[in-house]
Amino acid sequence: MKRSESDSASLSSTQRPDHAGKFIAVRDSRNRRLAGLYQRNGRYYVQLWIDRGGKKTARRFPLLREDVCPPRNLVEAKEAAEIKRNDRRENKLPTAGLKPIFADYQATYLAKAKVQRKGKDTLYNERLALARWAEHLGRVRVDRIITPLIVAFLERRLAGGTFVGKYLPPVTARTANLDLIVLRNVLNAALDDGHFLALPRMKAFEEKPTPKRPLLTPTEFERLLESAKNCSKNGEQFHDYLRFLAFSGAREAEALRIRWADVDVEDERVTIGADGLAKNGEARTIEFNAHLGALLREMDARRAPDCAWLFPSPQRGARDEHARTFRESLLLARKRRN
């Protein structure tokens, strides 16, 4: 016979079945109770008296080993409990309450002012990496992210698979390490926000050393410059660009974003990265050498009056914008040289 709804509602809380795991006091091999140690669903906890708003309150803390994994036996649990008691003495216990899940906190991380100051490309790559991590760790709370979860994700990246609905081929150790760096950034921010006290162990993969590229000799560089002049209709501009890179030491993308306002012909210096988009986010000033000074004066004498850039885009039309790349011209010049 089924109970009516009114009968079910009248059951006291003690009569209702309790399906949640209960805290059970831990006992040693001689059946003696170990003070403060409890176990629930196979996991060890320690009960400590803490000050919460001027009132002493008992609170149970889940125990973790030094590698941020749960203790596997009573000996490890007792050691972890002593560490937690020492944390209480040094006022290092984590804050009370549920911590945010990773999917929510990664959005909080991306909204932080110090993160927003990163370069546009860096932010774009971090968002892609965090979308993959959020798919893997989405419902896990930030203080429960442990080493095995991290390793499982990195192994998937190395093997290749479907991430955020898209198949990605196997990656190198370096690419997997870049994803790990992004996760470490988020967890460091959560650490600063007081959500936990120690990062899980995150060991990067060993990377193969970057192969050294042979540098061009002065003779080879001169041959490349000769090829650059006639490689395309933008040969003269590409010729200037190669010389500017060689004489200034600027990176490819940095050189393309330099304005004439960044060039001081009178004081003989040029500022690289004045737009704040340099690799390290800091501008640097280069003093003219004989070659760089001669080149910039030559370019200044024949520059377009309606363009603010050292290397304007050949397809800019009425727009004032810089060239995006000279890669195609470089390939043509190298082909002509060979």
Protein backbone atom coordinates (compact mmCIF):
# COMPACT_ATOMS: atom_id res chain seq x y z
CA MET A 1 0.00 0.00 0.00
CA LYS A 2 1.43 3.42 -1.00
CA ARG A 3 1.74 6.27 1.49
CA SER A 4 -0.28 9.36 0.71
CA GLU A 5 1.45 12.71 0.26
CA SER A 6 0.15 13.85 3.65
CA ASP A 7 1.61 10.75 5.33
CA SER A 8 5.00 11.36 3.69
CA ALA A 9 4.99 14.99 4.75
CA SER A 10 4.25 14.02 8.34
CA LEU A 11 7.38 11.87 8.64
CA SER A 12 9.95 13.41 10.96
CA SER A 13 13.45 14.14 9.74
CA THR A 14 14.74 11.19 11.82
CA GLN A 15 12.37 8.81 10.02
CA ARG A 16 13.36 9.90 6.52
CA PRO A 17 16.06 7.83 4.82
CA ASP A 18 19.45 9.57 4.80
CA HIS A 19 21.35 8.77 1.63
CA ALA A 20 24.23 11.21 2.28
CA GLY A 21 27.54 9.87 3.57
CA LYS A 22 27.98 10.22 7.33
CA PHE A 23 31.07 11.32 9.20
CA ILE A 24 32.41 8.31 11.10
CA ALA A 25 34.99 8.68 13.84
CA VAL A 26 38.28 7.03 12.88
CA ARG A 27 39.71 4.38 15.21
CA ASP A 28 43.13 2.76 15.31
CA SER A 29 43.96 -0.96 15.22
CA ARG A 30 43.19 -1.23 18.95
CA ASN A 31 39.75 0.34 18.45
CA ARG A 32 40.77 3.58 20.14
CA ARG A 33 39.20 6.73 18.75
CA LEU A 34 41.65 9.17 17.14
CA ALA A 35 40.85 12.68 18.29
CA GLY A 36 39.50 14.92 15.54
CA LEU A 37 39.82 12.38 12.72
CA TYR A 38 36.75 11.41 10.70
CA GLN A 39 36.03 9.52 7.53
CA ARG A 40 33.21 9.96 5.03
CA ASN A 41 32.78 8.15 1.73
CA GLY A 42 36.33 6.81 2.05
CA ARG A 43 37.90 10.25 2.52
CA TYR A 44 39.64 11.51 5.67
CA TYR A 45 38.72 14.73 7.50
CA VAL A 46 40.01 16.50 10.59
CA GLN A 47 37.77 18.50 12.92
CA LEU A 48 39.21 21.73 14.25
CA TRP A 49 37.85 24.52 16.42
CA ILE A 50 38.17 27.82 14.61
CA ASP A 51 37.24 31.42 15.30
CA ARG A 52 34.41 32.54 13.03
CA GLY A 53 33.29 36.10 13.70
CA GLY A 54 34.41 36.00 17.34
CA LYS A 55 32.66 32.68 17.98
CA LYS A 56 34.39 29.30 18.31
CA THR A 57 33.00 26.82 15.80
CA ALA A 58 33.87 23.21 14.98
CA ARG A 59 34.62 22.67 11.31
CA ARG A 60 35.75 19.59 9.41
CA PHE A 61 38.48 20.01 6.78
CA PRO A 62 39.22 17.46 4.04
CA LEU A 63 42.78 16.18 4.34
CA LEU A 64 45.35 16.30 1.54
CA ARG A 65 48.91 15.06 1.23
CA GLU A 66 51.76 17.32 0.14
CA ASP A 67 51.04 16.43 -3.50
CA VAL A 68 47.47 17.71 -2.98
CA CYS A 69 45.99 14.20 -3.26
CA PRO A 70 43.80 12.62 -0.53
CA PRO A 71 45.55 10.38 2.03
CA ARG A 72 45.38 6.68 1.14
CA ASN A 73 45.77 5.21 4.63
CA LEU A 74 45.63 6.07 8.32
CA VAL A 75 49.34 6.93 8.60
CA GLU A 76 49.09 9.51 5.80
CA ALA A 77 45.84 10.84 7.31
CA LYS A 78 47.48 11.44 10.71
CA GLU A 79 50.38 13.27 9.07
CA ALA A 80 47.99 15.42 7.02
CA ALA A 81 45.94 16.19 10.16
CA GLU A 82 49.05 17.50 11.94
CA ILE A 83 49.82 19.74 8.99
CA LYS A 84 46.27 21.11 9.11
CA ARG A 85 46.56 21.77 12.87
CA ASN A 86 49.79 23.62 12.25
CA ASP A 87 48.01 25.68 9.56
CA ARG A 88 45.43 26.66 12.18
CA ARG A 89 48.17 27.81 14.57
CA GLU A 90 49.71 29.93 11.80
CA ASN A 91 46.31 31.24 10.63
CA LYS A 92 46.67 29.61 7.20
CA LEU A 93 43.40 27.70 7.04
CA PRO A 94 41.30 28.19 3.87
CA THR A 95 38.26 30.42 3.99
CA ALA A 96 34.91 28.83 4.81
CA GLY A 97 32.20 28.11 2.26
CA LEU A 98 31.95 26.51 -1.14
CA LYS A 99 34.54 27.65 -3.64
CA PRO A 100 33.57 28.59 -7.23
CA ILE A 101 33.55 25.94 -9.91
CA PHE A 102 36.29 26.24 -12.52
CA ALA A 103 33.91 27.19 -15.35
CA ASP A 104 32.72 30.23 -13.36
CA TYR A 105 36.09 31.25 -11.95
CA GLN A 106 37.88 31.24 -15.31
CA ALA A 107 35.42 33.94 -16.42
CA THR A 108 36.26 35.90 -13.24
CA TYR A 109 39.95 35.51 -14.06
CA LEU A 110 39.53 36.83 -17.60
CA ALA A 111 37.67 39.89 -16.29
CA LYS A 112 40.50 40.92 -13.94
CA ALA A 113 42.17 44.23 -14.81
CA LYS A 114 45.70 42.77 -14.82
CA VAL A 115 44.58 40.08 -17.28
CA GLN A 116 42.87 42.60 -19.55
CA ARG A 117 46.19 44.45 -19.88
CA LYS A 118 47.68 41.49 -21.74
CA GLY A 119 48.14 41.65 -25.50
CA LYS A 120 45.19 40.91 -27.76
CA ASP A 121 46.77 37.75 -29.19
CA THR A 122 47.72 36.52 -25.71
CA LEU A 123 44.14 37.01 -24.47
CA TYR A 124 42.76 35.24 -27.52
CA ASN A 125 45.02 32.21 -26.96
CA GLU A 126 44.21 32.13 -23.23
CA ARG A 127 40.46 32.13 -23.97
CA LEU A 128 40.87 29.18 -26.34
CA ALA A 129 42.94 27.25 -23.77
CA LEU A 130 40.49 28.06 -20.94
CA ALA A 131 37.56 26.88 -23.03
CA ARG A 132 39.29 23.49 -23.29
CA TRP A 133 40.08 23.43 -19.56
CA ALA A 134 36.52 24.48 -18.69
CA GLU A 135 35.14 21.59 -20.72
CA HIS A 136 37.39 19.21 -18.78
CA LEU A 137 37.15 20.79 -15.29
CA GLY A 138 33.94 22.80 -15.61
CA ARG A 139 31.99 21.50 -12.59
CA VAL A 140 35.04 20.90 -10.39
CA ARG A 141 35.54 23.48 -7.65
CA VAL A 142 38.85 25.31 -7.85
CA ASP A 143 40.05 23.93 -4.50
CA ARG A 144 39.34 20.35 -5.65
CA ILE A 145 41.47 20.40 -8.78
CA ILE A 146 44.11 17.74 -8.20
CA THR A 147 47.10 16.49 -10.14
CA PRO A 148 45.42 13.41 -11.73
CA LEU A 149 42.76 15.65 -13.32
CA ILE A 150 45.45 17.88 -14.80
CA VAL A 151 47.52 14.97 -16.08
CA ALA A 152 44.46 13.40 -17.73
CA PHE A 153 43.81 16.58 -19.72
CA LEU A 154 47.44 16.94 -20.83
CA GLU A 155 47.56 13.31 -21.95
CA ARG A 156 44.49 13.94 -24.10
CA ARG A 157 46.19 16.96 -25.65
CA LEU A 158 49.27 14.91 -26.50
CA ALA A 159 47.17 12.12 -27.98
CA GLY A 160 44.73 14.41 -29.81
CA GLY A 161 40.97 14.33 -29.54
CA THR A 162 37.78 16.36 -29.51
CA PHE A 163 37.85 19.58 -27.48
CA VAL A 164 34.92 22.00 -27.31
CA GLY A 165 33.23 20.15 -30.17
CA LYS A 166 36.24 20.30 -32.49
CA TYR A 167 38.83 17.63 -33.23
CA LEU A 168 42.38 18.76 -32.50
CA PRO A 169 45.35 16.68 -33.69
CA PRO A 170 48.13 15.56 -31.31
CA VAL A 171 50.30 18.43 -30.07
CA THR A 172 53.92 18.75 -29.05
CA ALA A 173 55.09 18.88 -25.44
CA ARG A 174 55.60 22.64 -25.81
CA THR A 175 51.98 23.23 -26.86
CA ALA A 176 50.69 21.10 -23.97
CA ASN A 177 52.91 23.10 -21.60
CA LEU A 178 51.38 26.34 -22.88
CA ASP A 179 47.94 25.06 -21.86
CA LEU A 180 49.39 24.16 -18.47
CA ILE A 181 50.75 27.70 -18.06
CA VAL A 182 47.27 29.12 -18.67
CA LEU A 183 45.79 26.82 -16.00
CA ARG A 184 48.55 27.82 -13.58
CA ASN A 185 47.71 31.50 -14.18
CA VAL A 186 44.08 30.89 -13.23
CA LEU A 187 44.92 28.84 -10.14
CA ASN A 188 47.45 31.44 -8.99
CA ALA A 189 44.71 34.05 -9.22
CA ALA A 190 42.38 31.78 -7.19
CA LEU A 191 45.18 31.37 -4.64
CA ASP A 192 45.51 35.16 -4.37
CA ASP A 193 41.72 35.39 -3.90
CA GLY A 194 41.96 33.07 -0.90
CA HIS A 195 40.11 30.08 -2.35
CA PHE A 196 42.85 27.64 -1.27
CA LEU A 197 46.31 27.66 0.24
CA ALA A 198 48.47 25.53 -2.07
CA LEU A 199 48.59 24.81 -5.78
CA PRO A 200 48.29 21.24 -7.01
CA ARG A 201 51.51 19.77 -8.36
CA MET A 202 51.77 20.65 -12.06
CA LYS A 203 54.82 19.20 -13.74
CA ALA A 204 55.54 20.42 -17.25
CA PHE A 205 56.58 18.02 -19.98
CA GLU A 206 60.21 18.01 -21.01
CA GLU A 207 60.54 19.85 -24.30
CA LYS A 208 62.94 19.16 -27.10
CA PRO A 209 65.49 21.97 -27.46
CA THR A 210 64.61 24.46 -30.16
CA PRO A 211 66.76 23.77 -33.23
CA LYS A 212 69.19 26.58 -33.98
CA ARG A 213 68.59 28.24 -37.30
CA PRO A 214 71.68 29.14 -39.31
CA LEU A 215 72.16 32.90 -39.54
CA LEU A 216 72.66 34.65 -42.86
CA THR A 217 76.19 35.75 -43.60
CA PRO A 218 76.69 39.37 -44.73
CA THR A 219 77.15 38.13 -48.30
CA GLU A 220 73.93 36.07 -48.18
CA PHE A 221 72.04 39.03 -46.73
CA GLU A 222 73.23 41.29 -49.54
CA ARG A 223 72.05 38.72 -52.08
CA LEU A 224 68.66 38.61 -50.34
CA LEU A 225 68.41 42.42 -50.49
CA GLU A 226 69.14 42.38 -54.21
CA SER A 227 66.41 39.78 -54.72
CA ALA A 228 63.99 41.78 -52.57
CA LYS A 229 64.10 44.82 -54.84
CA ASN A 230 62.60 42.94 -57.79
CA CYS A 231 60.60 40.17 -56.12
CA SER A 232 57.23 41.96 -56.40
CA LYS A 233 55.60 45.33 -57.02
CA ASN A 234 56.27 46.13 -53.33
CA GLY A 235 59.96 45.31 -53.72
CA GLU A 236 61.27 48.70 -52.64
CA GLN A 237 59.19 48.71 -49.46
CA PHE A 238 60.20 45.13 -48.65
CA HIS A 239 63.84 46.08 -49.28
CA ASP A 240 63.48 48.91 -46.73
CA TYR A 241 61.78 46.56 -44.28
CA LEU A 242 64.58 43.98 -44.37
CA ARG A 243 67.21 46.64 -43.83
CA PHE A 244 65.26 48.17 -40.94
CA LEU A 245 65.03 44.76 -39.22
CA ALA A 246 68.76 44.19 -39.65
CA PHE A 247 69.84 47.66 -38.51
CA SER A 248 67.40 48.09 -35.58
CA GLY A 249 67.00 44.57 -34.18
CA ALA A 250 63.20 44.98 -34.13
CA ARG A 251 60.90 41.97 -34.36
CA GLU A 252 58.84 41.52 -37.52
CA ALA A 253 55.46 42.58 -36.12
CA GLU A 254 56.97 45.39 -34.01
CA ALA A 255 58.56 46.99 -37.08
CA LEU A 256 55.28 46.97 -39.00
CA ARG A 257 53.52 48.91 -36.21
CA ILE A 258 56.06 51.76 -35.96
CA ARG A 259 54.76 55.24 -36.84
CA TRP A 260 56.74 58.19 -38.09
CA ALA A 261 55.77 59.88 -34.81
CA ASP A 262 57.98 57.26 -33.10
CA VAL A 263 61.02 58.38 -35.13
CA ASP A 264 63.04 61.34 -33.86
CA VAL A 265 65.37 62.26 -36.70
CA GLU A 266 66.89 65.25 -34.88
CA ASP A 267 67.83 63.31 -31.73
CA GLU A 268 68.56 60.23 -33.88
CA ARG A 269 66.45 57.62 -32.13
CA VAL A 270 63.41 55.46 -32.79
CA THR A 271 60.95 54.05 -30.24
CA ILE A 272 59.87 50.44 -30.76
CA GLY A 273 56.68 49.22 -29.08
CA ALA A 274 55.24 52.68 -28.33
CA ASP A 275 51.76 51.18 -28.90
CA GLY A 276 52.22 48.89 -25.86
CA LEU A 277 52.01 45.76 -28.02
CA ALA A 278 55.65 44.72 -27.81
CA LYS A 279 56.31 41.15 -26.73
CA ASN A 280 57.02 42.13 -23.12
CA GLY A 281 54.60 45.05 -23.15
CA GLU A 282 57.37 47.63 -22.72
CA ALA A 283 58.58 50.17 -25.28
CA ARG A 284 62.31 50.58 -25.95
CA THR A 285 64.29 53.33 -27.63
CA ILE A 286 67.01 52.55 -30.16
CA GLU A 287 69.75 55.05 -30.94
CA PHE A 288 70.55 55.49 -34.61
CA ASN A 289 73.63 53.76 -35.92
CA ALA A 290 75.15 54.92 -39.21
CA HIS A 291 73.16 52.43 -41.32
CA LEU A 292 69.83 52.93 -39.48
CA GLY A 293 70.11 56.72 -39.60
CA ALA A 294 70.85 56.73 -43.34
CA LEU A 295 67.95 54.35 -44.03
CA LEU A 296 65.35 56.33 -42.03
CA ARG A 297 66.40 59.66 -43.59
CA GLU A 298 66.15 58.08 -47.04
CA MET A 299 62.67 56.68 -46.23
CA ASP A 300 61.57 59.98 -44.71
CA ALA A 301 62.51 61.83 -47.90
CA ARG A 302 60.18 59.69 -50.05
CA ARG A 303 57.41 58.75 -47.64
CA ALA A 304 53.74 59.29 -48.55
CA PRO A 305 52.50 62.54 -46.95
CA ASP A 306 49.10 61.04 -46.07
CA CYS A 307 50.47 58.01 -44.15
CA ALA A 308 51.60 57.82 -40.52
CA TRP A 309 53.35 54.44 -40.78
CA LEU A 310 56.91 53.51 -41.73
CA PHE A 311 55.56 50.58 -43.73
CA PRO A 312 52.06 51.44 -45.00
CA SER A 313 49.82 48.72 -46.37
CA PRO A 314 50.01 48.49 -50.19
CA GLN A 315 46.26 47.73 -50.21
CA ARG A 316 45.24 50.51 -47.81
CA GLY A 317 43.36 52.59 -50.39
CA ALA A 318 41.99 55.67 -48.62
CA ARG A 319 42.63 54.08 -45.22
CA ASP A 320 45.76 54.87 -43.23
CA GLU A 321 46.96 51.46 -41.99
CA HIS A 322 50.21 49.57 -41.78
CA ALA A 323 51.24 46.49 -43.74
CA ARG A 324 50.22 43.21 -42.12
CA THR A 325 53.02 40.96 -43.32
CA PHE A 326 55.80 40.60 -45.86
CA ARG A 327 55.93 36.82 -45.69
CA GLU A 328 54.88 36.33 -49.31
CA SER A 329 57.50 38.79 -50.49
CA LEU A 330 60.12 36.98 -48.41
CA LEU A 331 59.28 33.65 -50.01
CA LEU A 332 59.52 35.19 -53.49
CA ALA A 333 62.85 36.85 -52.67
CA ARG A 334 64.32 33.63 -51.29
CA LYS A 335 63.15 31.75 -54.38
CA ARG A 336 64.81 34.32 -56.67
CA ARG A 337 68.01 34.24 -54.60
CA ASN A 338 68.24 30.45 -54.89
